[in-house]
């Protein structure tokens, strides 16, 4: 539906020397790979606010408010400000309305997906929305998410595990005039 396949694709790390006893040191290649990954993520994090300020700064904190089509246009998410001051994204329409059958909690598997908050706890900082979480109903997993307005009518939504370089991005577009002509179901 919203994210296809096993999401996000995180590269697996293979140990070179499988015969090491438990509790022994990690191989140097693993440590080096971790240092490189952290360095790249830090570099991207430091560079991103400059770009975000230039593109989204004038849009302000309310830029995310409204309804947005997912990249495949098979679902629509409505972003609003929560009572806590953070931002949430609620699924308000989908081509194939289903129940939450992949949820880890058996009591929630019968609930309809339309009407639930798929994104929550997004905090506005330096022209983008950070430190949020996204629920993927296709596999029942919860991931970190950050959202960056690219312009007035498009958002880059990035879901990831741990570091943002281990994730996937989608570009969502603002729902506009097509609201009157497209069939949809209210929560």
Protein backbone atom coordinates (compact mmCIF):
# COMPACT_ATOMS: atom_id res chain seq x y z
CA UNK A 1 0.00 0.00 0.00
CA UNK A 2 2.11 2.93 1.17
CA UNK A 3 5.56 1.32 1.29
CA UNK A 4 6.13 -1.66 -0.93
CA UNK A 5 8.22 -4.69 -0.04
CA UNK A 6 10.40 -5.15 2.98
CA UNK A 7 10.93 -1.58 4.10
CA UNK A 8 13.43 -0.11 4.62
CA UNK A 9 16.08 -2.25 2.96
CA UNK A 10 18.91 -2.35 5.45
CA UNK A 11 22.13 -3.95 4.26
CA UNK A 12 23.09 -6.94 6.33
CA UNK A 13 26.53 -6.99 7.90
CA UNK A 14 28.40 -10.27 7.56
CA UNK A 15 31.21 -11.14 9.94
CA UNK A 16 34.40 -12.20 8.20
CA UNK A 17 35.50 -14.56 10.90
CA UNK A 18 32.46 -16.57 11.99
CA UNK A 19 34.58 -18.65 14.39
CA UNK A 20 35.08 -15.84 16.94
CA UNK A 21 33.80 -16.76 20.39
CA UNK A 22 30.92 -14.76 21.82
CA UNK A 23 31.91 -11.56 23.59
CA UNK A 24 35.14 -11.14 21.62
CA UNK A 25 35.94 -7.93 19.75
CA UNK A 26 34.20 -7.03 16.53
CA UNK A 27 36.27 -7.45 13.38
CA UNK A 28 38.06 -4.26 12.29
CA UNK A 29 36.08 -4.16 9.04
CA UNK A 30 32.81 -3.95 11.00
CA UNK A 31 34.12 -1.13 13.19
CA UNK A 32 35.44 0.74 10.16
CA UNK A 33 32.12 0.31 8.36
CA UNK A 34 30.26 1.67 11.39
CA UNK A 35 32.58 4.70 11.62
CA UNK A 36 32.12 5.43 7.90
CA UNK A 37 28.32 5.11 8.19
CA UNK A 38 28.17 7.44 11.20
CA UNK A 39 30.49 9.94 9.49
CA UNK A 40 28.40 10.01 6.30
CA UNK A 41 25.18 10.41 8.29
CA UNK A 42 26.71 13.24 10.33
CA UNK A 43 27.92 14.96 7.17
CA UNK A 44 24.49 14.67 5.55
CA UNK A 45 22.80 15.89 8.73
CA UNK A 46 25.05 18.94 8.91
CA UNK A 47 24.58 19.76 5.21
CA UNK A 48 20.81 19.19 5.13
CA UNK A 49 19.69 22.13 7.32
CA UNK A 50 21.44 24.57 4.98
CA UNK A 51 19.61 23.16 1.97
CA UNK A 52 16.31 22.91 3.88
CA UNK A 53 16.53 26.52 5.05
CA UNK A 54 17.08 27.71 1.49
CA UNK A 55 14.17 25.69 0.06
CA UNK A 56 11.62 25.40 2.86
CA UNK A 57 12.52 28.21 5.26
CA UNK A 58 9.98 30.67 3.87
CA UNK A 59 7.26 28.00 4.04
CA UNK A 60 7.53 27.89 7.82
CA UNK A 61 6.41 25.45 10.42
CA UNK A 62 2.93 24.98 8.93
CA UNK A 63 4.21 23.76 5.53
CA UNK A 64 3.32 20.15 6.28
CA UNK A 65 -0.31 20.83 7.27
CA UNK A 66 -2.85 19.40 4.81
CA UNK A 67 -3.42 16.30 2.73
CA UNK A 68 -0.69 14.60 0.72
CA UNK A 69 -0.67 11.86 -1.91
CA UNK A 70 1.87 9.11 -1.37
CA UNK A 71 4.37 8.56 -4.17
CA UNK A 72 2.26 5.86 -5.90
CA UNK A 73 -0.94 7.88 -5.32
CA UNK A 74 -2.54 4.84 -3.71
CA UNK A 75 -3.07 6.53 -0.34
CA UNK A 76 -3.55 9.98 1.12
CA UNK A 77 -2.18 11.21 4.45
CA UNK A 78 -3.53 14.23 6.38
CA UNK A 79 -0.90 16.02 8.47
CA UNK A 80 -2.01 18.09 11.44
CA UNK A 81 -0.55 19.46 14.65
CA UNK A 82 -1.10 17.28 17.72
CA UNK A 83 -1.94 18.67 21.16
CA UNK A 84 1.69 18.04 22.13
CA UNK A 85 2.89 20.49 19.47
CA UNK A 86 4.32 17.76 17.25
CA UNK A 87 2.88 16.77 13.87
CA UNK A 88 1.01 13.58 12.96
CA UNK A 89 0.00 12.02 9.66
CA UNK A 90 -3.31 10.15 9.51
CA UNK A 91 -4.30 7.80 6.71
CA UNK A 92 -7.53 9.28 5.32
CA UNK A 93 -7.91 7.40 2.05
CA UNK A 94 -6.54 4.32 0.32
CA UNK A 95 -7.37 2.51 -2.92
CA UNK A 96 -7.72 -0.77 -1.07
CA UNK A 97 -9.08 -0.20 2.43
CA UNK A 98 -7.86 -3.08 4.55
CA UNK A 99 -7.57 -4.00 8.20
CA UNK A 100 -4.32 -3.80 10.18
CA UNK A 101 -3.64 -7.55 9.77
CA UNK A 102 0.17 -7.32 10.18
CA UNK A 103 0.05 -5.55 13.57
CA UNK A 104 2.13 -7.18 16.33
CA UNK A 105 -0.80 -6.72 18.71
CA UNK A 106 -3.49 -9.33 17.87
CA UNK A 107 -6.18 -7.07 19.40
CA UNK A 108 -5.47 -4.40 16.74
CA UNK A 109 -5.50 -6.67 13.68
CA UNK A 110 -9.22 -6.20 13.04
CA UNK A 111 -9.11 -2.38 13.04
CA UNK A 112 -9.37 -0.60 9.69
CA UNK A 113 -6.21 1.17 8.52
CA UNK A 114 -8.12 4.22 7.30
CA UNK A 115 -8.27 6.63 10.21
CA UNK A 116 -5.12 5.62 12.11
CA UNK A 117 -2.05 7.80 12.61
CA UNK A 118 0.71 6.26 10.50
CA UNK A 119 3.19 9.06 11.31
CA UNK A 120 3.59 10.69 14.72
CA UNK A 121 5.90 12.82 16.91
CA UNK A 122 7.39 14.84 14.04
CA UNK A 123 9.12 17.91 15.43
CA UNK A 124 9.88 21.00 13.31
CA UNK A 125 13.54 22.01 13.32
CA UNK A 126 15.56 24.07 10.83
CA UNK A 127 13.09 23.81 7.96
CA UNK A 128 12.31 20.10 8.26
CA UNK A 129 10.38 17.70 10.47
CA UNK A 130 12.52 15.27 12.47
CA UNK A 131 12.49 12.66 15.25
CA UNK A 132 9.20 11.10 14.17
CA UNK A 133 8.00 7.54 13.72
CA UNK A 134 6.17 5.84 10.87
CA UNK A 135 4.10 2.66 11.05
CA UNK A 136 4.31 0.44 7.98
CA UNK A 137 1.06 -1.53 7.74
CA UNK A 138 2.53 -3.77 5.03
CA UNK A 139 4.79 -5.51 7.55
CA UNK A 140 3.67 -4.17 10.96
CA UNK A 141 7.03 -2.48 11.56
CA UNK A 142 7.69 0.93 13.09
CA UNK A 143 10.58 3.03 11.81
CA UNK A 144 12.07 6.48 12.29
CA UNK A 145 10.90 9.13 9.85
CA UNK A 146 11.87 12.62 8.83
CA UNK A 147 10.09 14.88 6.38
CA UNK A 148 11.59 17.70 4.37
CA UNK A 149 9.44 20.13 2.36
CA UNK A 150 10.96 20.39 -1.11
CA UNK A 151 8.60 23.18 -2.12
CA UNK A 152 5.04 24.27 -1.35
CA UNK A 153 3.53 21.16 -2.98
CA UNK A 154 6.01 18.34 -2.37
CA UNK A 155 7.55 16.57 0.61
CA UNK A 156 10.47 14.18 0.83
CA UNK A 157 9.47 11.51 3.35
CA UNK A 158 12.37 9.33 4.55
CA UNK A 159 11.85 6.23 6.69
CA UNK A 160 14.91 4.61 8.24
CA UNK A 161 16.40 2.34 10.87
CA UNK A 162 18.90 3.94 13.23
CA UNK A 163 20.76 6.16 10.78
CA UNK A 164 18.97 7.97 7.96
CA UNK A 165 21.37 6.51 5.39
CA UNK A 166 19.79 3.11 6.08
CA UNK A 167 16.36 3.85 4.67
CA UNK A 168 14.19 4.85 1.74
CA UNK A 169 12.69 8.11 0.59
CA UNK A 170 9.51 8.95 -1.25
CA UNK A 171 8.28 12.25 -2.66
CA UNK A 172 4.68 13.00 -1.71
CA UNK A 173 2.60 15.66 -3.47
CA UNK A 174 -0.02 17.94 -1.97
CA UNK A 175 -3.61 16.92 -2.70
CA UNK A 176 -5.29 19.85 -4.42
CA UNK A 177 -8.05 20.30 -6.97
CA UNK A 178 -8.36 16.54 -7.39
CA UNK A 179 -10.00 16.33 -3.93
CA UNK A 180 -13.38 17.01 -5.56
CA UNK A 181 -13.06 14.44 -8.34
CA UNK A 182 -11.26 11.49 -6.76
CA UNK A 183 -13.21 8.85 -4.84
CA UNK A 184 -12.13 8.53 -1.25
CA UNK A 185 -13.33 7.31 2.11
CA UNK A 186 -13.38 9.40 5.26
CA UNK A 187 -12.13 7.92 8.53
